Structures are given as C-alpha cells and as structure tokens.
Amino acid sequence: MNKKSIMFTFIAVTMLLVILVSFLITVQTSTKSQTDKILAKATATNAFVESFNVNVGSALKASANQAILALEDRMDVSDVYLTPPTDQKIKWVMLFGSYQGQNLRMMRPRQADGTITDMTLSSTLNEFKKVAARSNIILTYNSPSPNFVTFLMVSPWELRVNLQLKNVRVTDREQEISWNLGDVDVYTILDITKYRDPFYLINDDINITITKTNVPDFESSDNLNYFIDNFQFINHTDAPDFIQRLSGEFNSVSNNGYETILNSGHITPPNTPNPNSDSYVDFLYWGTRYTPSSCSVYGVPAPIKLDQQHKLYYTGDVCPLDEGF
C-alpha cells in the first residue's frame, strides 16, 4: 500500500469516527432530553396523585355542605321537615341537586353576574379534572353513585361524609405515565355548628345557629340562664342528633345527640305542646316523649321547667316530691 492510499484510508477512518461521535452525541442528547421530559411528567403526575385525596375531599366537602344548606333553605320555605331516611335525601341532593323531584335553588345558585354555579358533586369534581387538564394530566373515574356515599355522625358537632370513587385512573396526555388507582375512599368532615338548628327552624320559625356551649358547668343559675338566653347546645345521649333533627325525629336518641333548654320568651306557644311532658328541653317540649315529672329551677324564670332527669343533669338536684308533673 503506497503513502497516498494510507493517507486516504486514514482520512476516511477519521471521517467515519467524527460521524460516529456526532451521532452518539446526538443520540445521547436526545435520549437525555427524552428522559428528562418523562421524569418531569412522572414528577408532576406523582404530585397530582399524592394530592388526590385532599383535592377530591375538598370537592366532596363543597357539595355536601351546599346540599345541607339547600335542604335547610327548602325546609325554611316549606316549613316542613325532611322525609326520612335523611341521609338518603342529603346524598341525592348532593349528587343530583333535587329533592322529591324538584330542583333546589341553592344547588345551582345564580351569581351576581348572571352565571349559574353548579354545586352538585359531579360538577365540583369536574372542576378538579379541569385543573388537572391544564397540567396535561387526564383524570378519569366512574360517575359518583348514591350507593357509594355514606354519612355518619362522628361527634355531636361533626358529620363525616364518605365517598368511594370507582375505577380511578390518572395519565399524562401522551399516555406515557399512568396510575391505575382503582377504587379510592375519600372522606370529609362537616362542622354542623355552621348550620341552623332544624327544630327551631321548623317549630319556632326562627334561625338559630347550632352553637356548642362554652359554659363549663351549671352549678350556678347564672350559668344556666346564660346557656338558655344565648341559645346554646350541649351533648346529651338521650337527645336526637343533627341528622335525626333534620327529619323532626323528636323521640329518637343518639350518642351524638344534642339539646338546649328553650327560652320561654322566644318560643310559640310559651307553654309546652307536649301532652306527656312540660319540660322545656327542646326535643321534649316539641315532641311526645313521656317524662314522669317536671319542676321549676331555682333562679331560672318561670314558666321554664325541667323534667326529673334533666333537672338532675343540669343542677345536680331532683324535683321536689310536691312539685311533680
């Protein structure tokens, strides 16, 4: 092989090496860019999945809260308690915005600018889907069903709402990243002290917000009068809870029940309509439950009376034998 041939071969090999290195650099750069892109997608999708329960819980809370407000608005207008089972009525309103075949105005309220805001669960969840879509994330799930929504009083002042969202799937728009979450259980807690007490709303036609008492004890009549005059409520296990009150269940009992003592100056009629008791404890006053005796309370204005059980509960004393019902 002459020098010219050797030189030509060297140049050719060198050119091939340059081309190969350039190709490898291009491939490496492209691969790194693609890897970084997928990693960014994975990070964004993972963050979305990690916040999923919180965001769905917010949508659930918004719709459940609005459903109760809408039902109390309907009760106020119609002056009628809900038809039991109450939890079934709440979930139907929450999902579909209607009660007994009629659309409730507060589930789709009209705003000042004329637009209508849909507060049903499908709509509030759809807002979450729109936020995801702006980040190129696709969220899919089966439409919420009444069969997978439950309500539970977990304390006298807290209502737990549970939702099972079926067949949840999260992907990026290009289908490169995917999470199959299956059936997801989400819950939220509603504070019932944000709502009006149903007994006062229907039976006395006044708006009294449920207020948990801040009175530490009732050893003095001043404390008891403060409790009565300020329309405060206290947990008592022989009383109905919030769900039961929505349907006017005066004679129901619950570990999460609450009660108040009626102020004779703010109720109509001033004397108990219960033929079986003259106690001024709210569910006894408006209900039909029998109490063996009632009596006045020292320092508390007449005609307010308490039955034997509640006189003992609030004051530590029982009714005198000569002042029975």
C-alpha atoms as a PDB file:
ATOM      1  CA  MET A   1       0.000   0.000   0.000  1.00  0.00           C
ATOM      2  CA  ASN A   2       1.507   3.383  -1.028  1.00  0.00           C
ATOM      3  CA  LYS A   3       1.543   6.527   1.106  1.00  0.00           C
ATOM      4  CA  LYS A   4      -1.334   8.064  -0.828  1.00  0.00           C
ATOM      5  CA  SER A   5      -3.563   5.071  -0.119  1.00  0.00           C
ATOM      6  CA  ILE A   6      -2.608   5.057   3.564  1.00  0.00           C
ATOM      7  CA  MET A   7      -3.397   8.755   3.856  1.00  0.00           C
ATOM      8  CA  PHE A   8      -6.724   8.285   2.097  1.00  0.00           C
ATOM      9  CA  THR A   9      -7.625   5.389   4.414  1.00  0.00           C
ATOM     10  CA  PHE A  10      -6.684   7.441   7.480  1.00  0.00           C
ATOM     11  CA  ILE A  11      -8.822  10.359   6.338  1.00  0.00           C
ATOM     12  CA  ALA A  12     -11.756   8.043   5.638  1.00  0.00           C
ATOM     13  CA  VAL A  13     -11.485   6.360   9.036  1.00  0.00           C
ATOM     14  CA  THR A  14     -11.188   9.728  10.746  1.00  0.00           C
ATOM     15  CA  MET A  15     -14.300  10.994   8.958  1.00  0.00           C
ATOM     16  CA  LEU A  16     -16.205   7.867   9.985  1.00  0.00           C
ATOM     17  CA  LEU A  17     -15.129   8.389  13.605  1.00  0.00           C
ATOM     18  CA  VAL A  18     -16.267  12.017  13.521  1.00  0.00           C
ATOM     19  CA  ILE A  19     -19.616  10.988  12.083  1.00  0.00           C
ATOM     20  CA  LEU A  20     -19.985   8.206  14.665  1.00  0.00           C
ATOM     21  CA  VAL A  21     -19.112  10.506  17.581  1.00  0.00           C
ATOM     22  CA  SER A  22     -21.519  13.158  16.299  1.00  0.00           C
ATOM     23  CA  PHE A  23     -24.226  10.536  16.005  1.00  0.00           C
ATOM     24  CA  LEU A  24     -23.569   9.248  19.509  1.00  0.00           C
ATOM     25  CA  ILE A  25     -23.628  12.780  20.932  1.00  0.00           C
ATOM     26  CA  THR A  26     -26.909  13.487  19.142  1.00  0.00           C
ATOM     27  CA  VAL A  27     -28.448  10.226  20.384  1.00  0.00           C
ATOM     28  CA  GLN A  28     -27.216  10.829  23.907  1.00  0.00           C
ATOM     29  CA  THR A  29     -28.550  14.379  23.916  1.00  0.00           C
ATOM     30  CA  SER A  30     -31.883  13.258  22.502  1.00  0.00           C
ATOM     31  CA  THR A  31     -32.116  10.391  24.992  1.00  0.00           C
ATOM     32  CA  LYS A  32     -31.254  12.669  27.894  1.00  0.00           C
ATOM     33  CA  SER A  33     -33.839  15.191  26.729  1.00  0.00           C
ATOM     34  CA  GLN A  34     -36.474  12.472  26.439  1.00  0.00           C
ATOM     35  CA  THR A  35     -35.544  11.052  29.839  1.00  0.00           C
ATOM     36  CA  ASP A  36     -35.758  14.481  31.437  1.00  0.00           C
ATOM     37  CA  LYS A  37     -39.147  15.018  29.808  1.00  0.00           C
ATOM     38  CA  ILE A  38     -40.531  11.717  31.112  1.00  0.00           C
ATOM     39  CA  LEU A  39     -39.042  12.387  34.540  1.00  0.00           C
ATOM     40  CA  ALA A  40     -40.746  15.784  34.655  1.00  0.00           C
ATOM     41  CA  LYS A  41     -44.053  14.181  33.655  1.00  0.00           C
ATOM     42  CA  ALA A  42     -43.644  11.472  36.280  1.00  0.00           C
ATOM     43  CA  THR A  43     -42.901  14.072  38.960  1.00  0.00           C
ATOM     44  CA  ALA A  44     -45.963  16.151  38.038  1.00  0.00           C
ATOM     45  CA  THR A  45     -48.235  13.100  37.839  1.00  0.00           C
ATOM     46  CA  ASN A  46     -46.952  11.711  41.135  1.00  0.00           C
ATOM     47  CA  ALA A  47     -47.575  15.048  42.835  1.00  0.00           C
ATOM     48  CA  PHE A  48     -51.107  15.045  41.445  1.00  0.00           C
ATOM     49  CA  VAL A  49     -51.726  11.508  42.728  1.00  0.00           C
ATOM     50  CA  GLU A  50     -50.327  12.353  46.168  1.00  0.00           C
ATOM     51  CA  SER A  51     -52.726  15.307  46.496  1.00  0.00           C
ATOM     52  CA  PHE A  52     -55.656  13.385  45.011  1.00  0.00           C
ATOM     53  CA  ASN A  53     -57.482  12.581  48.275  1.00  0.00           C
ATOM     54  CA  VAL A  54     -57.119  16.143  49.543  1.00  0.00           C
ATOM     55  CA  ASN A  55     -58.497  17.665  46.346  1.00  0.00           C
ATOM     56  CA  VAL A  56     -61.360  15.184  45.993  1.00  0.00           C
ATOM     57  CA  GLY A  57     -62.127  15.723  49.680  1.00  0.00           C
ATOM     58  CA  SER A  58     -62.431  19.463  49.020  1.00  0.00           C
ATOM     59  CA  ALA A  59     -64.881  18.843  46.165  1.00  0.00           C
ATOM     60  CA  LEU A  60     -66.842  16.425  48.350  1.00  0.00           C
ATOM     61  CA  LYS A  61     -66.998  18.939  51.198  1.00  0.00           C
ATOM     62  CA  ALA A  62     -68.194  21.748  48.935  1.00  0.00           C
ATOM     63  CA  SER A  63     -71.075  19.667  47.531  1.00  0.00           C
ATOM     64  CA  ALA A  64     -72.107  18.055  50.823  1.00  0.00           C
ATOM     65  CA  ASN A  65     -72.086  21.384  52.635  1.00  0.00           C
ATOM     66  CA  GLN A  66     -74.155  23.008  49.890  1.00  0.00           C
ATOM     67  CA  ALA A  67     -76.618  20.099  49.950  1.00  0.00           C
ATOM     68  CA  ILE A  68     -77.361  20.670  53.643  1.00  0.00           C
ATOM     69  CA  LEU A  69     -77.663  24.437  53.139  1.00  0.00           C
ATOM     70  CA  ALA A  70     -80.030  23.816  50.211  1.00  0.00           C
ATOM     71  CA  LEU A  71     -82.175  21.386  52.201  1.00  0.00           C
ATOM     72  CA  GLU A  72     -82.441  23.757  55.163  1.00  0.00           C
ATOM     73  CA  ASP A  73     -83.409  26.515  52.742  1.00  0.00           C
ATOM     74  CA  ARG A  74     -86.133  24.262  51.377  1.00  0.00           C
ATOM     75  CA  MET A  75     -87.287  23.421  54.927  1.00  0.00           C
ATOM     76  CA  ASP A  76     -87.422  27.120  55.764  1.00  0.00           C
ATOM     77  CA  VAL A  77     -89.562  27.920  52.724  1.00  0.00           C
ATOM     78  CA  SER A  78     -91.906  24.925  53.010  1.00  0.00           C
ATOM     79  CA  ASP A  79     -91.956  24.826  56.839  1.00  0.00           C
ATOM     80  CA  VAL A  80     -91.763  21.030  56.670  1.00  0.00           C
ATOM     81  CA  TYR A  81     -89.161  18.583  57.943  1.00  0.00           C
ATOM     82  CA  LEU A  82     -87.328  16.256  55.562  1.00  0.00           C
ATOM     83  CA  THR A  83     -88.807  12.863  54.851  1.00  0.00           C
ATOM     84  CA  PRO A  84     -86.627  10.097  56.364  1.00  0.00           C
ATOM     85  CA  PRO A  85     -84.244   8.439  55.771  1.00  0.00           C
ATOM     86  CA  THR A  86     -82.485  11.793  55.922  1.00  0.00           C
ATOM     87  CA  ASP A  87     -79.042  10.615  54.815  1.00  0.00           C
ATOM     88  CA  GLN A  88     -80.541   9.298  51.574  1.00  0.00           C
ATOM     89  CA  LYS A  89     -82.096  12.687  50.895  1.00  0.00           C
ATOM     90  CA  ILE A  90     -78.814  14.522  51.515  1.00  0.00           C
ATOM     91  CA  LYS A  91     -76.822  12.287  49.186  1.00  0.00           C
ATOM     92  CA  TRP A  92     -79.446  12.608  46.430  1.00  0.00           C
ATOM     93  CA  VAL A  93     -79.328  16.389  46.662  1.00  0.00           C
ATOM     94  CA  MET A  94     -75.540  16.316  46.742  1.00  0.00           C
ATOM     95  CA  LEU A  95     -75.364  14.204  43.575  1.00  0.00           C
ATOM     96  CA  PHE A  96     -78.343  15.453  41.577  1.00  0.00           C
ATOM     97  CA  GLY A  97     -79.399  18.781  43.106  1.00  0.00           C
ATOM     98  CA  SER A  98     -83.062  17.817  43.580  1.00  0.00           C
ATOM     99  CA  TYR A  99     -85.415  16.821  46.408  1.00  0.00           C
ATOM    100  CA  GLN A 100     -88.664  14.958  45.778  1.00  0.00           C
ATOM    101  CA  GLY A 101     -88.393  15.715  42.071  1.00  0.00           C
ATOM    102  CA  GLN A 102     -87.796  19.457  42.469  1.00  0.00           C
ATOM    103  CA  ASN A 103     -84.504  21.212  41.763  1.00  0.00           C
ATOM    104  CA  LEU A 104     -83.183  23.074  44.783  1.00  0.00           C
ATOM    105  CA  ARG A 105     -82.217  26.651  44.009  1.00  0.00           C
ATOM    106  CA  MET A 106     -79.147  26.664  46.242  1.00  0.00           C
ATOM    107  CA  MET A 107     -77.563  23.715  44.439  1.00  0.00           C
ATOM    108  CA  ARG A 108     -77.306  25.821  41.297  1.00  0.00           C
ATOM    109  CA  PRO A 109     -77.259  29.385  42.597  1.00  0.00           C
ATOM    110  CA  ARG A 110     -77.227  32.336  40.230  1.00  0.00           C
ATOM    111  CA  GLN A 111     -74.317  34.703  40.792  1.00  0.00           C
ATOM    112  CA  ALA A 112     -74.392  38.500  40.649  1.00  0.00           C
ATOM    113  CA  ASP A 113     -73.156  38.457  37.045  1.00  0.00           C
ATOM    114  CA  GLY A 114     -75.956  36.119  35.998  1.00  0.00           C
ATOM    115  CA  THR A 115     -73.871  32.950  35.741  1.00  0.00           C
ATOM    116  CA  ILE A 116     -75.070  29.772  37.437  1.00  0.00           C
ATOM    117  CA  THR A 117     -72.733  27.776  39.670  1.00  0.00           C
ATOM    118  CA  ASP A 118     -73.446  24.047  39.743  1.00  0.00           C
ATOM    119  CA  MET A 119     -72.637  22.675  43.210  1.00  0.00           C
ATOM    120  CA  THR A 120     -73.502  19.026  42.593  1.00  0.00           C
ATOM    121  CA  LEU A 121     -70.696  16.550  43.199  1.00  0.00           C
ATOM    122  CA  SER A 122     -70.168  15.719  39.529  1.00  0.00           C
ATOM    123  CA  SER A 123     -69.654  19.412  38.818  1.00  0.00           C
ATOM    124  CA  THR A 124     -67.264  20.119  41.713  1.00  0.00           C
ATOM    125  CA  LEU A 125     -65.242  17.032  40.787  1.00  0.00           C
ATOM    126  CA  ASN A 126     -65.209  18.212  37.178  1.00  0.00           C
ATOM    127  CA  GLU A 127     -63.506  21.442  38.297  1.00  0.00           C
ATOM    128  CA  PHE A 128     -60.725  19.265  39.688  1.00  0.00           C
ATOM    129  CA  LYS A 129     -60.463  17.488  36.326  1.00  0.00           C
ATOM    130  CA  LYS A 130     -60.153  20.853  34.558  1.00  0.00           C
ATOM    131  CA  VAL A 131     -57.277  21.883  36.818  1.00  0.00           C
ATOM    132  CA  ALA A 132     -55.560  18.586  36.052  1.00  0.00           C
ATOM    133  CA  ALA A 133     -56.062  19.031  32.314  1.00  0.00           C
ATOM    134  CA  ARG A 134     -54.292  22.395  32.414  1.00  0.00           C
ATOM    135  CA  SER A 135     -51.255  20.470  33.613  1.00  0.00           C
ATOM    136  CA  ASN A 136     -51.683  17.901  30.787  1.00  0.00           C
ATOM    137  CA  ILE A 137     -52.975  15.304  33.255  1.00  0.00           C
ATOM    138  CA  ILE A 138     -56.042  13.251  32.377  1.00  0.00           C
ATOM    139  CA  LEU A 139     -58.238  12.069  35.261  1.00  0.00           C
ATOM    140  CA  THR A 140     -60.991   9.503  34.701  1.00  0.00           C
ATOM    141  CA  TYR A 141     -63.386   7.701  37.058  1.00  0.00           C
ATOM    142  CA  ASN A 142     -66.890   6.277  37.126  1.00  0.00           C
ATOM    143  CA  SER A 143     -69.669   8.755  37.804  1.00  0.00           C
ATOM    144  CA  PRO A 144     -70.368   9.017  41.557  1.00  0.00           C
ATOM    145  CA  SER A 145     -73.243   6.816  42.695  1.00  0.00           C
ATOM    146  CA  PRO A 146     -75.549   7.153  45.728  1.00  0.00           C
ATOM    147  CA  ASN A 147     -74.564   3.586  46.618  1.00  0.00           C
ATOM    148  CA  PHE A 148     -71.031   4.739  47.372  1.00  0.00           C
ATOM    149  CA  VAL A 149     -71.812   7.778  49.529  1.00  0.00           C
ATOM    150  CA  THR A 150     -72.453   7.458  53.272  1.00  0.00           C
ATOM    151  CA  PHE A 151     -72.988   9.819  56.205  1.00  0.00           C
ATOM    152  CA  LEU A 152     -72.048   9.257  59.841  1.00  0.00           C
ATOM    153  CA  MET A 153     -72.245  11.474  62.917  1.00  0.00           C
ATOM    154  CA  VAL A 154     -68.815  11.040  64.494  1.00  0.00           C
ATOM    155  CA  SER A 155     -69.457  13.535  67.295  1.00  0.00           C
ATOM    156  CA  PRO A 156     -72.370  15.769  68.298  1.00  0.00           C
ATOM    157  CA  TRP A 157     -70.820  18.551  66.196  1.00  0.00           C
ATOM    158  CA  GLU A 158     -69.230  16.656  63.283  1.00  0.00           C
ATOM    159  CA  LEU A 159     -70.784  14.871  60.313  1.00  0.00           C
ATOM    160  CA  ARG A 160     -68.489  12.602  58.329  1.00  0.00           C
ATOM    161  CA  VAL A 161     -69.201  12.190  54.601  1.00  0.00           C
ATOM    162  CA  ASN A 162     -67.632   9.183  52.873  1.00  0.00           C
ATOM    163  CA  LEU A 163     -67.252   8.711  49.120  1.00  0.00           C
ATOM    164  CA  GLN A 164     -65.873   5.744  47.208  1.00  0.00           C
ATOM    165  CA  LEU A 165     -64.790   6.879  43.763  1.00  0.00           C
ATOM    166  CA  LYS A 166     -64.680   3.879  41.448  1.00  0.00           C
ATOM    167  CA  ASN A 167     -62.134   2.966  38.775  1.00  0.00           C
ATOM    168  CA  VAL A 168     -59.850   5.989  39.148  1.00  0.00           C
ATOM    169  CA  ARG A 169     -57.100   6.378  36.538  1.00  0.00           C
ATOM    170  CA  VAL A 170     -54.525   9.153  36.122  1.00  0.00           C
ATOM    171  CA  THR A 171     -52.421   9.530  32.947  1.00  0.00           C
ATOM    172  CA  ASP A 172     -50.463  12.215  31.135  1.00  0.00           C
ATOM    173  CA  ARG A 173     -51.839  13.455  27.831  1.00  0.00           C
ATOM    174  CA  GLU A 174     -49.361  11.395  25.761  1.00  0.00           C
ATOM    175  CA  GLN A 175     -50.170   8.217  27.758  1.00  0.00           C
ATOM    176  CA  GLU A 176     -46.510   7.809  28.760  1.00  0.00           C
ATOM    177  CA  ILE A 177     -47.202   7.885  32.509  1.00  0.00           C
ATOM    178  CA  SER A 178     -50.155   6.054  34.031  1.00  0.00           C
ATOM    179  CA  TRP A 179     -51.546   5.359  37.503  1.00  0.00           C
ATOM    180  CA  ASN A 180     -54.432   2.933  37.974  1.00  0.00           C
ATOM    181  CA  LEU A 181     -55.689   3.844  41.441  1.00  0.00           C
ATOM    182  CA  GLY A 182     -58.706   1.543  41.364  1.00  0.00           C
ATOM    183  CA  ASP A 183     -61.402   2.357  43.919  1.00  0.00           C
ATOM    184  CA  VAL A 184     -60.436   5.287  46.138  1.00  0.00           C
ATOM    185  CA  ASP A 185     -62.067   6.021  49.506  1.00  0.00           C
ATOM    186  CA  VAL A 186     -62.258   9.706  50.414  1.00  0.00           C
ATOM    187  CA  TYR A 187     -63.954  11.433  53.327  1.00  0.00           C
ATOM    188  CA  THR A 188     -64.562  14.909  54.671  1.00  0.00           C
ATOM    189  CA  ILE A 189     -65.864  16.320  57.954  1.00  0.00           C
ATOM    190  CA  LEU A 190     -68.659  18.888  58.103  1.00  0.00           C
ATOM    191  CA  ASP A 191     -68.915  21.127  61.158  1.00  0.00           C
ATOM    192  CA  ILE A 192     -72.642  21.256  61.989  1.00  0.00           C
ATOM    193  CA  THR A 193     -72.197  24.461  64.012  1.00  0.00           C
ATOM    194  CA  LYS A 194     -72.300  26.200  60.627  1.00  0.00           C
ATOM    195  CA  TYR A 195     -75.969  25.218  60.165  1.00  0.00           C
ATOM    196  CA  ARG A 196     -79.313  26.249  61.580  1.00  0.00           C
ATOM    197  CA  ASP A 197     -80.927  24.015  64.174  1.00  0.00           C
ATOM    198  CA  PRO A 198     -83.811  22.185  62.452  1.00  0.00           C
ATOM    199  CA  PHE A 199     -86.150  22.164  65.494  1.00  0.00           C
ATOM    200  CA  TYR A 200     -86.044  25.933  65.893  1.00  0.00           C
ATOM    201  CA  LEU A 201     -86.225  26.401  62.114  1.00  0.00           C
ATOM    202  CA  ILE A 202     -89.495  24.484  61.714  1.00  0.00           C
ATOM    203  CA  ASN A 203     -91.240  24.554  65.101  1.00  0.00           C
ATOM    204  CA  ASP A 204     -90.404  28.103  66.118  1.00  0.00           C
ATOM    205  CA  ASP A 205     -89.758  29.573  62.657  1.00  0.00           C
ATOM    206  CA  ILE A 206     -86.553  31.333  63.710  1.00  0.00           C
ATOM    207  CA  ASN A 207     -82.944  30.979  62.608  1.00  0.00           C
ATOM    208  CA  ILE A 208     -80.793  29.702  65.457  1.00  0.00           C
ATOM    209  CA  THR A 209     -77.289  28.599  64.508  1.00  0.00           C
ATOM    210  CA  ILE A 210     -76.142  25.486  66.335  1.00  0.00           C
ATOM    211  CA  THR A 211     -73.735  26.782  68.987  1.00  0.00           C
ATOM    212  CA  LYS A 212     -71.780  24.379  71.168  1.00  0.00           C
ATOM    213  CA  THR A 213     -71.960  25.703  74.704  1.00  0.00           C
ATOM    214  CA  ASN A 214     -68.939  27.347  76.283  1.00  0.00           C
ATOM    215  CA  VAL A 215     -70.424  27.043  79.768  1.00  0.00           C
ATOM    216  CA  PRO A 216     -68.096  24.777  81.786  1.00  0.00           C
ATOM    217  CA  ASP A 217     -70.752  23.801  84.351  1.00  0.00           C
ATOM    218  CA  PHE A 218     -74.241  24.694  85.553  1.00  0.00           C
ATOM    219  CA  GLU A 219     -73.555  24.938  89.261  1.00  0.00           C
ATOM    220  CA  SER A 220     -74.981  28.461  89.333  1.00  0.00           C
ATOM    221  CA  SER A 221     -78.299  29.656  87.960  1.00  0.00           C
ATOM    222  CA  ASP A 222     -76.396  32.459  86.204  1.00  0.00           C
ATOM    223  CA  ASN A 223     -74.587  29.880  84.071  1.00  0.00           C
ATOM    224  CA  LEU A 224     -77.810  28.071  83.269  1.00  0.00           C
ATOM    225  CA  ASN A 225     -79.571  31.315  82.351  1.00  0.00           C
ATOM    226  CA  TYR A 226     -76.634  32.272  80.120  1.00  0.00           C
ATOM    227  CA  PHE A 227     -76.920  28.877  78.397  1.00  0.00           C
ATOM    228  CA  ILE A 228     -80.660  29.364  77.859  1.00  0.00           C
ATOM    229  CA  ASP A 229     -80.599  33.034  76.846  1.00  0.00           C
ATOM    230  CA  ASN A 230     -77.817  32.547  74.266  1.00  0.00           C
ATOM    231  CA  PHE A 231     -79.463  29.551  72.560  1.00  0.00           C
ATOM    232  CA  GLN A 232     -76.524  27.254  73.249  1.00  0.00           C
ATOM    233  CA  PHE A 233     -76.492  23.479  72.841  1.00  0.00           C
ATOM    234  CA  ILE A 234     -74.898  20.633  74.760  1.00  0.00           C
ATOM    235  CA  ASN A 235     -74.297  16.959  74.017  1.00  0.00           C
ATOM    236  CA  HIS A 236     -76.785  14.630  75.681  1.00  0.00           C
ATOM    237  CA  THR A 237     -77.180  10.962  74.799  1.00  0.00           C
ATOM    238  CA  ASP A 238     -80.961  10.888  75.227  1.00  0.00           C
ATOM    239  CA  ALA A 239     -81.388  13.578  72.567  1.00  0.00           C
ATOM    240  CA  PRO A 240     -81.580  13.286  68.764  1.00  0.00           C
ATOM    241  CA  ASP A 241     -78.540  14.143  66.637  1.00  0.00           C
ATOM    242  CA  PHE A 242     -78.377  16.575  63.718  1.00  0.00           C
ATOM    243  CA  ILE A 243     -79.403  14.026  61.055  1.00  0.00           C
ATOM    244  CA  GLN A 244     -82.402  12.966  63.136  1.00  0.00           C
ATOM    245  CA  ARG A 245     -83.365  16.584  63.782  1.00  0.00           C
ATOM    246  CA  LEU A 246     -83.493  17.325  60.049  1.00  0.00           C
ATOM    247  CA  SER A 247     -86.437  14.931  59.768  1.00  0.00           C
ATOM    248  CA  GLY A 248     -88.122  16.030  63.016  1.00  0.00           C
ATOM    249  CA  GLU A 249     -87.352  12.866  64.962  1.00  0.00           C
ATOM    250  CA  PHE A 250     -88.052  14.291  68.446  1.00  0.00           C
ATOM    251  CA  ASN A 251     -88.237  10.892  70.107  1.00  0.00           C
ATOM    252  CA  SER A 252     -85.014   9.451  68.642  1.00  0.00           C
ATOM    253  CA  VAL A 253     -81.865   9.125  70.730  1.00  0.00           C
ATOM    254  CA  SER A 254     -78.194   9.161  69.754  1.00  0.00           C
ATOM    255  CA  ASN A 255     -74.820   9.095  71.490  1.00  0.00           C
ATOM    256  CA  ASN A 256     -74.143  12.180  69.378  1.00  0.00           C
ATOM    257  CA  GLY A 257     -77.387  13.889  70.277  1.00  0.00           C
ATOM    258  CA  TYR A 258     -77.520  17.491  71.423  1.00  0.00           C
ATOM    259  CA  GLU A 259     -80.115  19.638  73.150  1.00  0.00           C
ATOM    260  CA  THR A 260     -80.919  23.030  74.577  1.00  0.00           C
ATOM    261  CA  ILE A 261     -83.420  24.446  77.037  1.00  0.00           C
ATOM    262  CA  LEU A 262     -85.982  26.700  75.404  1.00  0.00           C
ATOM    263  CA  ASN A 263     -86.285  30.321  76.402  1.00  0.00           C
ATOM    264  CA  SER A 264     -89.959  30.949  77.130  1.00  0.00           C
ATOM    265  CA  GLY A 265     -89.716  34.458  75.726  1.00  0.00           C
ATOM    266  CA  HIS A 266     -88.665  33.253  72.267  1.00  0.00           C
ATOM    267  CA  ILE A 267     -90.980  30.341  71.541  1.00  0.00           C
ATOM    268  CA  THR A 268     -94.565  29.902  70.421  1.00  0.00           C
ATOM    269  CA  PRO A 269     -96.614  28.796  72.274  1.00  0.00           C
ATOM    270  CA  PRO A 270     -94.987  29.717  75.603  1.00  0.00           C
ATOM    271  CA  ASN A 271     -96.335  26.565  77.253  1.00  0.00           C
ATOM    272  CA  THR A 272     -95.283  23.089  76.153  1.00  0.00           C
ATOM    273  CA  PRO A 273     -97.477  21.488  73.471  1.00  0.00           C
ATOM    274  CA  ASN A 274     -96.327  18.006  74.586  1.00  0.00           C
ATOM    275  CA  PRO A 275     -99.268  16.305  76.360  1.00  0.00           C
ATOM    276  CA  ASN A 276     -96.859  13.912  78.092  1.00  0.00           C
ATOM    277  CA  SER A 277     -94.313  16.356  79.499  1.00  0.00           C
ATOM    278  CA  ASP A 278     -93.984  20.006  80.483  1.00  0.00           C
ATOM    279  CA  SER A 279     -90.180  20.012  80.286  1.00  0.00           C
ATOM    280  CA  TYR A 280     -88.529  22.850  78.361  1.00  0.00           C
ATOM    281  CA  VAL A 281     -85.755  20.676  76.947  1.00  0.00           C
ATOM    282  CA  ASP A 282     -86.234  21.225  73.218  1.00  0.00           C
ATOM    283  CA  PHE A 283     -86.921  17.699  71.962  1.00  0.00           C
ATOM    284  CA  LEU A 284     -89.267  17.013  74.915  1.00  0.00           C
ATOM    285  CA  TYR A 285     -91.091  20.319  74.533  1.00  0.00           C
ATOM    286  CA  TRP A 286     -91.879  19.802  70.846  1.00  0.00           C
ATOM    287  CA  GLY A 287     -92.069  16.003  70.933  1.00  0.00           C
ATOM    288  CA  THR A 288     -94.387  13.447  72.514  1.00  0.00           C
ATOM    289  CA  ARG A 289     -91.984  11.599  74.809  1.00  0.00           C
ATOM    290  CA  TYR A 290     -93.297  10.955  78.313  1.00  0.00           C
ATOM    291  CA  THR A 291     -91.457  12.218  81.407  1.00  0.00           C
ATOM    292  CA  PRO A 292     -92.677  11.266  84.903  1.00  0.00           C
ATOM    293  CA  SER A 293     -92.284  14.706  86.461  1.00  0.00           C
ATOM    294  CA  SER A 294     -91.130  18.273  85.823  1.00  0.00           C
ATOM    295  CA  CYS A 295     -90.428  21.205  88.095  1.00  0.00           C
ATOM    296  CA  SER A 296     -89.171  24.776  88.130  1.00  0.00           C
ATOM    297  CA  VAL A 297     -85.477  25.561  88.580  1.00  0.00           C
ATOM    298  CA  TYR A 298     -84.264  27.958  91.251  1.00  0.00           C
ATOM    299  CA  GLY A 299     -83.063  31.212  89.691  1.00  0.00           C
ATOM    300  CA  VAL A 300     -84.484  30.400  86.252  1.00  0.00           C
ATOM    301  CA  PRO A 301     -87.528  32.456  85.209  1.00  0.00           C
ATOM    302  CA  ALA A 302     -90.934  30.808  85.078  1.00  0.00           C
ATOM    303  CA  PRO A 303     -92.577  29.118  83.283  1.00  0.00           C
ATOM    304  CA  ILE A 304     -89.405  27.173  82.357  1.00  0.00           C
ATOM    305  CA  LYS A 305     -89.415  23.697  83.904  1.00  0.00           C
ATOM    306  CA  LEU A 306     -87.177  20.662  83.631  1.00  0.00           C
ATOM    307  CA  ASP A 307     -88.108  17.023  83.864  1.00  0.00           C
ATOM    308  CA  GLN A 308     -86.604  14.945  86.637  1.00  0.00           C
ATOM    309  CA  GLN A 309     -83.738  13.553  84.553  1.00  0.00           C
ATOM    310  CA  HIS A 310     -82.664  16.912  83.131  1.00  0.00           C
ATOM    311  CA  LYS A 311     -83.115  18.751  86.435  1.00  0.00           C
ATOM    312  CA  LEU A 312     -80.595  16.310  87.871  1.00  0.00           C
ATOM    313  CA  TYR A 313     -78.319  16.631  84.811  1.00  0.00           C
ATOM    314  CA  TYR A 314     -78.167  20.426  84.827  1.00  0.00           C
ATOM    315  CA  THR A 315     -78.395  21.244  88.520  1.00  0.00           C
ATOM    316  CA  GLY A 316     -77.479  18.106  90.420  1.00  0.00           C
ATOM    317  CA  ASP A 317     -80.841  18.220  92.232  1.00  0.00           C
ATOM    318  CA  VAL A 318     -84.094  16.368  91.666  1.00  0.00           C
ATOM    319  CA  CYS A 319     -87.623  17.733  91.607  1.00  0.00           C
ATOM    320  CA  PRO A 320     -89.334  18.102  94.995  1.00  0.00           C
ATOM    321  CA  LEU A 321     -91.987  15.493  95.668  1.00  0.00           C
ATOM    322  CA  ASP A 322     -94.703  18.118  95.924  1.00  0.00           C
ATOM    323  CA  GLU A 323     -93.895  19.761  92.571  1.00  0.00           C
ATOM    324  CA  GLY A 324     -94.302  16.931  90.117  1.00  0.00           C
ATOM    325  CA  PHE A 325     -95.853  16.982  86.659  1.00  0.00           C
END
